[in-house]
Amino acid sequence: MSAEFTALLIMLGLATGLALTLLLAQRLLGPRRPNRVKVGAYESGMDPIGTAHQRFSVKFYLVAMIFIVFDVEVVFLYPWAISHRHFLEAGIGMGVLAAVTIFIIILAVGLLYDIKKGGLEFD
């Protein structure tokens, strides 16, 4: 094993050991007094009404996935925007700009497809 990873493995071992130790200590030392209120479902202080197995529309999941896709897009575009000047100075700015443009075009096509299929229309 490389000496470069020794410190990393020691840190991972210590973190895992600490997490397991704290979980075991909580299990052994923590109070266990379950009652009907503690083991019941919590819904903003209201008593649950009906079953917990409600059916949601598929559009809910589609909107959630679109949100995640565009959230990830921001995660990729923000560092690029911050370091774009450095890319230009290094002489690779136009290649990186082309790659980012293709990335944005692919996401825009996906959004247009979703709009055309009515994924963002609710009744």
Protein backbone atom coordinates (compact mmCIF):
# COMPACT_ATOMS: atom_id res chain seq x y z
CA MET A 1 0.00 0.00 0.00
CA SER A 2 1.27 3.44 -0.85
CA ALA A 3 2.44 5.72 1.95
CA GLU A 4 0.21 8.47 0.51
CA PHE A 5 -2.91 6.56 1.48
CA THR A 6 -1.77 5.52 4.95
CA ALA A 7 -2.97 8.75 6.59
CA LEU A 8 -6.28 8.48 4.74
CA LEU A 9 -6.83 4.90 5.87
CA ILE A 10 -5.97 5.82 9.46
CA MET A 11 -8.46 8.71 9.35
CA LEU A 12 -11.19 6.50 7.86
CA GLY A 13 -10.53 3.85 10.51
CA LEU A 14 -10.71 6.40 13.32
CA ALA A 15 -13.90 7.95 11.94
CA THR A 16 -15.55 4.55 11.56
CA GLY A 17 -14.42 3.51 15.04
CA LEU A 18 -15.73 6.72 16.58
CA ALA A 19 -19.10 6.38 14.83
CA LEU A 20 -19.50 2.77 15.95
CA THR A 21 -18.38 3.62 19.49
CA LEU A 22 -20.92 6.43 19.78
CA LEU A 23 -23.72 4.24 18.43
CA LEU A 24 -22.84 1.48 20.89
CA ALA A 25 -22.62 3.97 23.78
CA GLN A 26 -26.02 5.38 22.92
CA ARG A 27 -27.47 1.89 22.79
CA LEU A 28 -25.98 0.90 26.15
CA LEU A 29 -26.32 4.15 28.12
CA GLY A 30 -29.36 5.84 26.60
CA PRO A 31 -32.78 5.59 28.23
CA ARG A 32 -35.34 3.31 26.61
CA ARG A 33 -38.83 4.36 27.56
CA PRO A 34 -41.01 3.84 24.49
CA ASN A 35 -44.65 4.81 24.70
CA ARG A 36 -47.51 5.18 22.26
CA VAL A 37 -46.69 8.80 21.42
CA LYS A 38 -42.96 8.17 20.82
CA VAL A 39 -43.43 5.20 18.51
CA GLY A 40 -46.35 6.76 16.62
CA ALA A 41 -46.10 8.61 13.32
CA TYR A 42 -45.37 12.33 13.53
CA GLU A 43 -47.10 14.63 11.06
CA SER A 44 -46.49 18.22 12.15
CA GLY A 45 -48.16 17.71 15.51
CA MET A 46 -51.38 16.38 13.98
CA ASP A 47 -52.78 12.91 14.44
CA PRO A 48 -52.29 10.88 11.25
CA ILE A 49 -55.40 10.53 9.10
CA GLY A 50 -55.76 7.62 6.73
CA THR A 51 -53.07 5.26 5.54
CA ALA A 52 -49.43 6.17 5.01
CA HIS A 53 -49.44 4.43 1.63
CA GLN A 54 -50.91 7.18 -0.52
CA ARG A 55 -50.37 7.18 -4.25
CA PHE A 56 -48.66 10.19 -5.76
CA SER A 57 -48.87 11.30 -9.35
CA VAL A 58 -45.92 10.42 -11.55
CA LYS A 59 -45.64 14.12 -12.41
CA PHE A 60 -44.52 14.78 -8.83
CA TYR A 61 -41.51 12.53 -9.38
CA LEU A 62 -40.81 14.02 -12.82
CA VAL A 63 -40.73 17.54 -11.41
CA ALA A 64 -38.46 16.35 -8.60
CA MET A 65 -36.09 14.77 -11.11
CA ILE A 66 -36.06 17.93 -13.24
CA PHE A 67 -35.22 19.92 -10.13
CA ILE A 68 -32.34 17.57 -9.34
CA VAL A 69 -31.02 17.72 -12.91
CA PHE A 70 -30.96 21.51 -12.95
CA ASP A 71 -29.55 21.61 -9.43
CA VAL A 72 -26.68 19.40 -10.61
CA GLU A 73 -26.30 21.66 -13.63
CA VAL A 74 -25.64 24.60 -11.33
CA VAL A 75 -23.12 22.52 -9.40
CA PHE A 76 -21.20 21.95 -12.65
CA LEU A 77 -21.62 25.43 -14.14
CA TYR A 78 -20.66 27.51 -11.11
CA PRO A 79 -17.04 26.26 -10.86
CA TRP A 80 -16.70 26.60 -14.63
CA ALA A 81 -17.88 30.21 -14.50
CA ILE A 82 -15.47 30.99 -11.68
CA SER A 83 -12.46 29.47 -13.46
CA HIS A 84 -13.32 30.49 -17.04
CA ARG A 85 -10.70 33.27 -17.00
CA HIS A 86 -8.02 30.71 -16.04
CA PHE A 87 -9.11 28.47 -18.92
CA LEU A 88 -8.76 31.39 -21.33
CA GLU A 89 -5.29 32.20 -20.00
CA ALA A 90 -4.25 28.56 -20.36
CA GLY A 91 -5.39 28.51 -23.99
CA ILE A 92 -8.17 25.92 -23.54
CA GLY A 93 -11.01 28.37 -22.97
CA MET A 94 -12.78 27.81 -26.28
CA GLY A 95 -12.71 24.01 -25.91
CA VAL A 96 -14.16 24.21 -22.42
CA LEU A 97 -16.74 26.73 -23.62
CA ALA A 98 -17.77 24.33 -26.39
CA ALA A 99 -18.13 21.47 -23.89
CA VAL A 100 -20.24 23.60 -21.55
CA THR A 101 -22.38 24.78 -24.46
CA ILE A 102 -23.06 21.17 -25.49
CA PHE A 103 -23.93 20.37 -21.87
CA ILE A 104 -26.42 23.25 -21.71
CA ILE A 105 -27.93 22.33 -25.09
CA ILE A 106 -28.51 18.74 -23.95
CA LEU A 107 -30.24 19.96 -20.79
CA ALA A 108 -32.31 22.48 -22.77
CA VAL A 109 -33.45 19.76 -25.18
CA GLY A 110 -34.47 17.62 -22.22
CA LEU A 111 -36.42 20.51 -20.69
CA LEU A 112 -38.16 21.26 -23.99
CA TYR A 113 -39.07 17.58 -24.32
CA ASP A 114 -40.53 17.61 -20.83
CA ILE A 115 -42.51 20.78 -21.54
CA LYS A 116 -43.81 19.33 -24.81
CA LYS A 117 -44.94 16.14 -23.05
CA GLY A 118 -46.75 18.22 -20.40
CA GLY A 119 -44.56 17.24 -17.49
CA LEU A 120 -44.85 20.67 -15.91
CA GLU A 121 -48.62 21.07 -16.31
CA PHE A 122 -50.75 20.30 -13.28
CA ASP A 123 -54.51 19.96 -13.00
